[in-house]
């Protein structure tokens, strides 16, 4: 997203995803260069793996990265976003 000053300011999209079909919204956010905080605690384990693999491919195609934040929470960030831990 461009601000009035012409600088890209990433947005954060928070999603709860139960099925692979719900991941489309996350892919759209990734394509818009937004950060996606994905929560998959309600998805079955096999579906969770498919969702993460699918979104990891999408973020990789945009030179971004994925990081596991918690047991069932993942952060997908586009290129140019630095994640720091404290």
PDB file of N, CA and C in Angstrom:
ATOM      1  N   UNK A   1       0.848  -1.177   0.000  1.00  0.00           N
ATOM      2  CA  UNK A   1       0.000   0.000   0.000  1.00  0.00           C
ATOM      3  C   UNK A   1       0.887   1.231   0.000  1.00  0.00           C
ATOM      4  N   UNK A   2       0.560   2.185  -0.827  1.00  0.00           N
ATOM      5  CA  UNK A   2       1.284   3.442  -0.849  1.00  0.00           C
ATOM      6  C   UNK A   2       0.578   4.432   0.060  1.00  0.00           C
ATOM      7  N   UNK A   3       1.373   5.158   0.788  1.00  0.00           N
ATOM      8  CA  UNK A   3       0.827   6.203   1.645  1.00  0.00           C
ATOM      9  C   UNK A   3       0.766   7.498   0.838  1.00  0.00           C
ATOM     10  N   UNK A   4       0.214   8.552   1.402  1.00  0.00           N
ATOM     11  CA  UNK A   4       0.220   9.830   0.694  1.00  0.00           C
ATOM     12  C   UNK A   4       1.628  10.332   0.401  1.00  0.00           C
ATOM     13  N   UNK A   5       2.622   9.774   1.085  1.00  0.00           N
ATOM     14  CA  UNK A   5       4.006  10.197   0.915  1.00  0.00           C
ATOM     15  C   UNK A   5       4.754   9.315  -0.074  1.00  0.00           C
ATOM     16  N   UNK A   6       4.051   8.361  -0.702  1.00  0.00           N
ATOM     17  CA  UNK A   6       4.665   7.498  -1.700  1.00  0.00           C
ATOM     18  C   UNK A   6       5.488   6.362  -1.122  1.00  0.00           C
ATOM     19  N   UNK A   7       5.352   6.085   0.155  1.00  0.00           N
ATOM     20  CA  UNK A   7       6.114   5.020   0.811  1.00  0.00           C
ATOM     21  C   UNK A   7       5.191   3.838   1.038  1.00  0.00           C
ATOM     22  N   UNK A   8       5.693   2.639   0.716  1.00  0.00           N
ATOM     23  CA  UNK A   8       4.912   1.423   0.933  1.00  0.00           C
ATOM     24  C   UNK A   8       4.835   1.134   2.423  1.00  0.00           C
ATOM     25  N   UNK A   9       3.636   0.984   2.936  1.00  0.00           N
ATOM     26  CA  UNK A   9       3.411   0.666   4.346  1.00  0.00           C
ATOM     27  C   UNK A   9       2.676  -0.664   4.387  1.00  0.00           C
ATOM     28  N   UNK A  10       3.362  -1.732   4.857  1.00  0.00           N
ATOM     29  CA  UNK A  10       2.689  -3.035   4.870  1.00  0.00           C
ATOM     30  C   UNK A  10       1.559  -3.070   5.889  1.00  0.00           C
ATOM     31  N   UNK A  11       0.504  -3.742   5.517  1.00  0.00           N
ATOM     32  CA  UNK A  11      -0.637  -3.966   6.398  1.00  0.00           C
ATOM     33  C   UNK A  11      -0.519  -5.372   6.970  1.00  0.00           C
ATOM     34  N   UNK A  12      -1.216  -5.639   8.044  1.00  0.00           N
ATOM     35  CA  UNK A  12      -1.232  -6.976   8.642  1.00  0.00           C
ATOM     36  C   UNK A  12      -2.650  -7.522   8.548  1.00  0.00           C
ATOM     37  N   UNK A  13      -2.760  -8.706   7.964  1.00  0.00           N
ATOM     38  CA  UNK A  13      -4.034  -9.405   7.860  1.00  0.00           C
ATOM     39  C   UNK A  13      -3.987 -10.591   8.811  1.00  0.00           C
ATOM     40  N   UNK A  14      -4.960 -10.694   9.697  1.00  0.00           N
ATOM     41  CA  UNK A  14      -5.035 -11.807  10.646  1.00  0.00           C
ATOM     42  C   UNK A  14      -6.157 -12.730  10.191  1.00  0.00           C
ATOM     43  N   UNK A  15      -5.807 -14.001   9.986  1.00  0.00           N
ATOM     44  CA  UNK A  15      -6.782 -14.965   9.480  1.00  0.00           C
ATOM     45  C   UNK A  15      -6.801 -16.232  10.322  1.00  0.00           C
ATOM     46  N   UNK A  16      -7.987 -16.755  10.514  1.00  0.00           N
ATOM     47  CA  UNK A  16      -8.166 -18.101  11.069  1.00  0.00           C
ATOM     48  C   UNK A  16      -8.564 -18.975   9.900  1.00  0.00           C
ATOM     49  N   UNK A  17      -7.802 -19.999   9.662  1.00  0.00           N
ATOM     50  CA  UNK A  17      -8.009 -20.830   8.483  1.00  0.00           C
ATOM     51  C   UNK A  17      -8.283 -22.265   8.915  1.00  0.00           C
ATOM     52  N   UNK A  18      -9.446 -22.810   8.501  1.00  0.00           N
ATOM     53  CA  UNK A  18      -9.822 -24.177   8.859  1.00  0.00           C
ATOM     54  C   UNK A  18      -9.606 -25.158   7.716  1.00  0.00           C
ATOM     55  N   UNK A  19      -9.695 -24.637   6.488  1.00  0.00           N
ATOM     56  CA  UNK A  19      -9.600 -25.483   5.304  1.00  0.00           C
ATOM     57  C   UNK A  19      -8.758 -24.787   4.249  1.00  0.00           C
ATOM     58  N   UNK A  20      -8.229 -25.563   3.348  1.00  0.00           N
ATOM     59  CA  UNK A  20      -7.394 -25.022   2.282  1.00  0.00           C
ATOM     60  C   UNK A  20      -8.146 -23.976   1.456  1.00  0.00           C
ATOM     61  N   UNK A  21      -9.438 -24.159   1.284  1.00  0.00           N
ATOM     62  CA  UNK A  21     -10.236 -23.209   0.515  1.00  0.00           C
ATOM     63  C   UNK A  21     -10.231 -21.817   1.148  1.00  0.00           C
ATOM     64  N   UNK A  22     -10.070 -21.754   2.462  1.00  0.00           N
ATOM     65  CA  UNK A  22     -10.050 -20.469   3.163  1.00  0.00           C
ATOM     66  C   UNK A  22      -8.731 -19.724   2.957  1.00  0.00           C
ATOM     67  N   UNK A  23      -7.729 -20.387   2.442  1.00  0.00           N
ATOM     68  CA  UNK A  23      -6.404 -19.794   2.272  1.00  0.00           C
ATOM     69  C   UNK A  23      -6.357 -18.788   1.128  1.00  0.00           C
ATOM     70  N   UNK A  24      -7.381 -18.755   0.309  1.00  0.00           N
ATOM     71  CA  UNK A  24      -7.396 -17.819  -0.823  1.00  0.00           C
ATOM     72  C   UNK A  24      -7.265 -16.373  -0.352  1.00  0.00           C
ATOM     73  N   UNK A  25      -7.915 -16.039   0.744  1.00  0.00           N
ATOM     74  CA  UNK A  25      -7.832 -14.677   1.281  1.00  0.00           C
ATOM     75  C   UNK A  25      -6.395 -14.343   1.693  1.00  0.00           C
ATOM     76  N   UNK A  26      -5.693 -15.317   2.245  1.00  0.00           N
ATOM     77  CA  UNK A  26      -4.298 -15.112   2.621  1.00  0.00           C
ATOM     78  C   UNK A  26      -3.431 -14.883   1.384  1.00  0.00           C
ATOM     79  N   UNK A  27      -3.685 -15.634   0.330  1.00  0.00           N
ATOM     80  CA  UNK A  27      -2.907 -15.466  -0.907  1.00  0.00           C
ATOM     81  C   UNK A  27      -3.145 -14.078  -1.493  1.00  0.00           C
ATOM     82  N   UNK A  28      -4.374 -13.607  -1.460  1.00  0.00           N
ATOM     83  CA  UNK A  28      -4.663 -12.259  -1.960  1.00  0.00           C
ATOM     84  C   UNK A  28      -3.908 -11.210  -1.142  1.00  0.00           C
ATOM     85  N   UNK A  29      -3.838 -11.380   0.158  1.00  0.00           N
ATOM     86  CA  UNK A  29      -3.085 -10.447   1.002  1.00  0.00           C
ATOM     87  C   UNK A  29      -1.592 -10.511   0.682  1.00  0.00           C
ATOM     88  N   UNK A  30      -1.071 -11.709   0.473  1.00  0.00           N
ATOM     89  CA  UNK A  30       0.341 -11.876   0.117  1.00  0.00           C
ATOM     90  C   UNK A  30       0.627 -11.191  -1.219  1.00  0.00           C
ATOM     91  N   UNK A  31      -0.256 -11.360  -2.181  1.00  0.00           N
ATOM     92  CA  UNK A  31      -0.073 -10.720  -3.494  1.00  0.00           C
ATOM     93  C   UNK A  31      -0.081  -9.194  -3.375  1.00  0.00           C
ATOM     94  N   UNK A  32      -0.797  -8.671  -2.381  1.00  0.00           N
ATOM     95  CA  UNK A  32      -0.847  -7.226  -2.136  1.00  0.00           C
ATOM     96  C   UNK A  32       0.330  -6.758  -1.275  1.00  0.00           C
ATOM     97  N   UNK A  33       1.266  -7.677  -0.974  1.00  0.00           N
ATOM     98  CA  UNK A  33       2.454  -7.416  -0.162  1.00  0.00           C
ATOM     99  C   UNK A  33       2.105  -7.071   1.281  1.00  0.00           C
ATOM    100  N   UNK A  34       1.033  -7.640   1.786  1.00  0.00           N
ATOM    101  CA  UNK A  34       0.677  -7.491   3.189  1.00  0.00           C
ATOM    102  C   UNK A  34       1.290  -8.624   3.991  1.00  0.00           C
ATOM    103  N   UNK A  35       1.454  -8.407   5.272  1.00  0.00           N
ATOM    104  CA  UNK A  35       1.856  -9.472   6.191  1.00  0.00           C
ATOM    105  C   UNK A  35       0.605 -10.259   6.558  1.00  0.00           C
ATOM    106  N   UNK A  36       0.753 -11.549   6.744  1.00  0.00           N
ATOM    107  CA  UNK A  36      -0.381 -12.389   7.111  1.00  0.00           C
ATOM    108  C   UNK A  36      -0.031 -13.149   8.378  1.00  0.00           C
ATOM    109  N   UNK A  37      -0.833 -12.954   9.408  1.00  0.00           N
ATOM    110  CA  UNK A  37      -0.723 -13.732  10.633  1.00  0.00           C
ATOM    111  C   UNK A  37      -1.811 -14.799  10.550  1.00  0.00           C
ATOM    112  N   UNK A  38      -1.390 -16.039  10.430  1.00  0.00           N
ATOM    113  CA  UNK A  38      -2.309 -17.142  10.166  1.00  0.00           C
ATOM    114  C   UNK A  38      -2.445 -18.031  11.397  1.00  0.00           C
ATOM    115  N   UNK A  39      -3.682 -18.265  11.792  1.00  0.00           N
ATOM    116  CA  UNK A  39      -3.971 -19.148  12.917  1.00  0.00           C
ATOM    117  C   UNK A  39      -4.707 -20.369  12.377  1.00  0.00           C
ATOM    118  N   UNK A  40      -4.142 -21.552  12.642  1.00  0.00           N
ATOM    119  CA  UNK A  40      -4.707 -22.784  12.092  1.00  0.00           C
ATOM    120  C   UNK A  40      -5.045 -23.808  13.176  1.00  0.00           C
ATOM    121  N   UNK A  41      -5.269 -23.363  14.398  1.00  0.00           N
ATOM    122  CA  UNK A  41      -5.500 -24.306  15.495  1.00  0.00           C
ATOM    123  C   UNK A  41      -6.766 -25.133  15.335  1.00  0.00           C
ATOM    124  N   UNK A  42      -7.726 -24.653  14.561  1.00  0.00           N
ATOM    125  CA  UNK A  42      -8.982 -25.388  14.394  1.00  0.00           C
ATOM    126  C   UNK A  42      -8.980 -26.317  13.187  1.00  0.00           C
ATOM    127  N   UNK A  43      -7.911 -26.302  12.421  1.00  0.00           N
ATOM    128  CA  UNK A  43      -7.822 -27.161  11.235  1.00  0.00           C
ATOM    129  C   UNK A  43      -7.277 -28.531  11.612  1.00  0.00           C
ATOM    130  N   UNK A  44      -7.715 -29.586  10.940  1.00  0.00           N
ATOM    131  CA  UNK A  44      -7.137 -30.911  11.169  1.00  0.00           C
ATOM    132  C   UNK A  44      -5.653 -30.903  10.779  1.00  0.00           C
ATOM    133  N   UNK A  45      -4.831 -31.740  11.407  1.00  0.00           N
ATOM    134  CA  UNK A  45      -3.382 -31.724  11.146  1.00  0.00           C
ATOM    135  C   UNK A  45      -2.997 -31.870   9.673  1.00  0.00           C
ATOM    136  N   UNK A  46      -3.646 -32.766   8.945  1.00  0.00           N
ATOM    137  CA  UNK A  46      -3.290 -32.930   7.531  1.00  0.00           C
ATOM    138  C   UNK A  46      -3.670 -31.703   6.707  1.00  0.00           C
ATOM    139  N   UNK A  47      -4.786 -31.086   7.043  1.00  0.00           N
ATOM    140  CA  UNK A  47      -5.214 -29.866   6.351  1.00  0.00           C
ATOM    141  C   UNK A  47      -4.294 -28.705   6.711  1.00  0.00           C
ATOM    142  N   UNK A  48      -3.857 -28.654   7.961  1.00  0.00           N
ATOM    143  CA  UNK A  48      -2.917 -27.618   8.394  1.00  0.00           C
ATOM    144  C   UNK A  48      -1.649 -27.667   7.561  1.00  0.00           C
ATOM    145  N   UNK A  49      -1.105 -28.850   7.352  1.00  0.00           N
ATOM    146  CA  UNK A  49       0.124 -28.984   6.567  1.00  0.00           C
ATOM    147  C   UNK A  49      -0.088 -28.518   5.130  1.00  0.00           C
ATOM    148  N   UNK A  50      -1.209 -28.848   4.558  1.00  0.00           N
ATOM    149  CA  UNK A  50      -1.509 -28.416   3.184  1.00  0.00           C
ATOM    150  C   UNK A  50      -1.629 -26.897   3.098  1.00  0.00           C
ATOM    151  N   UNK A  51      -2.278 -26.298   4.084  1.00  0.00           N
ATOM    152  CA  UNK A  51      -2.449 -24.844   4.106  1.00  0.00           C
ATOM    153  C   UNK A  51      -1.091 -24.149   4.202  1.00  0.00           C
ATOM    154  N   UNK A  52      -0.269 -24.613   5.135  1.00  0.00           N
ATOM    155  CA  UNK A  52       1.049 -23.997   5.341  1.00  0.00           C
ATOM    156  C   UNK A  52       1.912 -24.165   4.093  1.00  0.00           C
ATOM    157  N   UNK A  53       1.929 -25.345   3.504  1.00  0.00           N
ATOM    158  CA  UNK A  53       2.715 -25.580   2.298  1.00  0.00           C
ATOM    159  C   UNK A  53       2.253 -24.669   1.151  1.00  0.00           C
ATOM    160  N   UNK A  54       0.945 -24.542   0.996  1.00  0.00           N
ATOM    161  CA  UNK A  54       0.377 -23.708  -0.051  1.00  0.00           C
ATOM    162  C   UNK A  54       0.788 -22.246   0.120  1.00  0.00           C
ATOM    163  N   UNK A  55       0.657 -21.734   1.332  1.00  0.00           N
ATOM    164  CA  UNK A  55       0.993 -20.334   1.581  1.00  0.00           C
ATOM    165  C   UNK A  55       2.503 -20.101   1.576  1.00  0.00           C
ATOM    166  N   UNK A  56       3.272 -21.094   1.979  1.00  0.00           N
ATOM    167  CA  UNK A  56       4.730 -20.971   1.916  1.00  0.00           C
ATOM    168  C   UNK A  56       5.173 -20.830   0.457  1.00  0.00           C
ATOM    169  N   UNK A  57       4.527 -21.542  -0.440  1.00  0.00           N
ATOM    170  CA  UNK A  57       4.829 -21.402  -1.858  1.00  0.00           C
ATOM    171  C   UNK A  57       4.462 -20.019  -2.373  1.00  0.00           C
ATOM    172  N   UNK A  58       3.325 -19.506  -1.927  1.00  0.00           N
ATOM    173  CA  UNK A  58       2.888 -18.171  -2.363  1.00  0.00           C
ATOM    174  C   UNK A  58       3.849 -17.095  -1.869  1.00  0.00           C
ATOM    175  N   UNK A  59       4.269 -17.185  -0.617  1.00  0.00           N
ATOM    176  CA  UNK A  59       5.163 -16.159  -0.072  1.00  0.00           C
ATOM    177  C   UNK A  59       6.554 -16.287  -0.673  1.00  0.00           C
ATOM    178  N   UNK A  60       6.978 -17.499  -0.965  1.00  0.00           N
ATOM    179  CA  UNK A  60       8.280 -17.716  -1.591  1.00  0.00           C
ATOM    180  C   UNK A  60       8.309 -17.107  -2.991  1.00  0.00           C
ATOM    181  N   UNK A  61       7.213 -17.203  -3.706  1.00  0.00           N
ATOM    182  CA  UNK A  61       7.132 -16.626  -5.044  1.00  0.00           C
ATOM    183  C   UNK A  61       7.267 -15.108  -5.016  1.00  0.00           C
ATOM    184  N   UNK A  62       6.994 -14.509  -3.872  1.00  0.00           N
ATOM    185  CA  UNK A  62       7.116 -13.059  -3.703  1.00  0.00           C
ATOM    186  C   UNK A  62       8.349 -12.693  -2.878  1.00  0.00           C
ATOM    187  N   UNK A  63       9.308 -13.610  -2.810  1.00  0.00           N
ATOM    188  CA  UNK A  63      10.574 -13.398  -2.086  1.00  0.00           C
ATOM    189  C   UNK A  63      10.377 -13.047  -0.620  1.00  0.00           C
ATOM    190  N   UNK A  64       9.313 -13.549  -0.022  1.00  0.00           N
ATOM    191  CA  UNK A  64       9.049 -13.300   1.383  1.00  0.00           C
ATOM    192  C   UNK A  64       9.523 -14.448   2.244  1.00  0.00           C
ATOM    193  N   UNK A  65       9.078 -14.461   3.479  1.00  0.00           N
ATOM    194  CA  UNK A  65       9.471 -15.524   4.395  1.00  0.00           C
ATOM    195  C   UNK A  65       8.313 -15.910   5.306  1.00  0.00           C
ATOM    196  N   UNK A  66       8.409 -17.105   5.848  1.00  0.00           N
ATOM    197  CA  UNK A  66       7.412 -17.602   6.788  1.00  0.00           C
ATOM    198  C   UNK A  66       8.125 -17.922   8.087  1.00  0.00           C
ATOM    199  N   UNK A  67       7.455 -17.613   9.177  1.00  0.00           N
ATOM    200  CA  UNK A  67       8.030 -17.878  10.487  1.00  0.00           C
ATOM    201  C   UNK A  67       6.941 -18.425  11.405  1.00  0.00           C
ATOM    202  N   UNK A  68       7.302 -19.465  12.134  1.00  0.00           N
ATOM    203  CA  UNK A  68       6.361 -20.034  13.099  1.00  0.00           C
ATOM    204  C   UNK A  68       6.418 -19.184  14.367  1.00  0.00           C
ATOM    205  N   UNK A  69       5.272 -18.656  14.756  1.00  0.00           N
ATOM    206  CA  UNK A  69       5.187 -17.785  15.923  1.00  0.00           C
ATOM    207  C   UNK A  69       4.756 -18.572  17.161  1.00  0.00           C
ATOM    208  N   UNK A  70       3.882 -19.533  16.972  1.00  0.00           N
ATOM    209  CA  UNK A  70       3.379 -20.357  18.057  1.00  0.00           C
ATOM    210  C   UNK A  70       3.054 -21.737  17.526  1.00  0.00           C
ATOM    211  N   UNK A  71       2.461 -22.562  18.369  1.00  0.00           N
ATOM    212  CA  UNK A  71       2.125 -23.927  17.989  1.00  0.00           C
ATOM    213  C   UNK A  71       1.286 -23.986  16.716  1.00  0.00           C
ATOM    214  N   UNK A  72       0.308 -23.089  16.603  1.00  0.00           N
ATOM    215  CA  UNK A  72      -0.598 -23.090  15.446  1.00  0.00           C
ATOM    216  C   UNK A  72      -0.701 -21.717  14.799  1.00  0.00           C
ATOM    217  N   UNK A  73       0.328 -20.908  14.955  1.00  0.00           N
ATOM    218  CA  UNK A  73       0.318 -19.549  14.427  1.00  0.00           C
ATOM    219  C   UNK A  73       1.569 -19.310  13.590  1.00  0.00           C
ATOM    220  N   UNK A  74       1.364 -18.771  12.378  1.00  0.00           N
ATOM    221  CA  UNK A  74       2.457 -18.536  11.443  1.00  0.00           C
ATOM    222  C   UNK A  74       2.384 -17.107  10.936  1.00  0.00           C
ATOM    223  N   UNK A  75       3.549 -16.524  10.696  1.00  0.00           N
ATOM    224  CA  UNK A  75       3.629 -15.178  10.152  1.00  0.00           C
ATOM    225  C   UNK A  75       4.276 -15.241   8.777  1.00  0.00           C
ATOM    226  N   UNK A  76       3.570 -14.738   7.778  1.00  0.00           N
ATOM    227  CA  UNK A  76       4.067 -14.670   6.412  1.00  0.00           C
ATOM    228  C   UNK A  76       4.355 -13.204   6.112  1.00  0.00           C
ATOM    229  N   UNK A  77       5.597 -12.901   5.741  1.00  0.00           N
ATOM    230  CA  UNK A  77       5.970 -11.516   5.496  1.00  0.00           C
ATOM    231  C   UNK A  77       6.575 -11.369   4.103  1.00  0.00           C
ATOM    232  N   UNK A  78       6.219 -10.289   3.410  1.00  0.00           N
ATOM    233  CA  UNK A  78       6.778 -10.062   2.076  1.00  0.00           C
ATOM    234  C   UNK A  78       8.214  -9.559   2.166  1.00  0.00           C
ATOM    235  N   UNK A  79       8.882  -9.543   1.026  1.00  0.00           N
ATOM    236  CA  UNK A  79      10.231  -9.005   0.960  1.00  0.00           C
ATOM    237  C   UNK A  79      10.199  -7.560   1.439  1.00  0.00           C
ATOM    238  N   UNK A  80      11.225  -7.185   2.197  1.00  0.00           N
ATOM    239  CA  UNK A  80      11.311  -5.817   2.709  1.00  0.00           C
ATOM    240  C   UNK A  80      10.796  -5.644   4.109  1.00  0.00           C
ATOM    241  N   UNK A  81      10.206  -6.689   4.677  1.00  0.00           N
ATOM    242  CA  UNK A  81       9.715  -6.612   6.057  1.00  0.00           C
ATOM    243  C   UNK A  81      10.658  -7.405   6.941  1.00  0.00           C
ATOM    244  N   UNK A  82      11.154  -6.766   7.992  1.00  0.00           N
ATOM    245  CA  UNK A  82      12.048  -7.421   8.933  1.00  0.00           C
ATOM    246  C   UNK A  82      11.274  -7.763  10.198  1.00  0.00           C
ATOM    247  N   UNK A  83      11.405  -8.994  10.643  1.00  0.00           N
ATOM    248  CA  UNK A  83      10.769  -9.444  11.873  1.00  0.00           C
ATOM    249  C   UNK A  83      11.847  -9.526  12.940  1.00  0.00           C
ATOM    250  N   UNK A  84      11.624  -8.864  14.049  1.00  0.00           N
ATOM    251  CA  UNK A  84      12.612  -8.922  15.129  1.00  0.00           C
ATOM    252  C   UNK A  84      11.961  -9.525  16.369  1.00  0.00           C
ATOM    253  N   UNK A  85      12.765 -10.219  17.120  1.00  0.00           N
ATOM    254  CA  UNK A  85      12.304 -10.867  18.351  1.00  0.00           C
ATOM    255  C   UNK A  85      12.925 -10.147  19.541  1.00  0.00           C
ATOM    256  N   UNK A  86      12.175 -10.050  20.609  1.00  0.00           N
ATOM    257  CA  UNK A  86      12.748  -9.444  21.811  1.00  0.00           C
ATOM    258  C   UNK A  86      12.565 -10.353  22.994  1.00  0.00           C
TER     259      UNK A  86
END
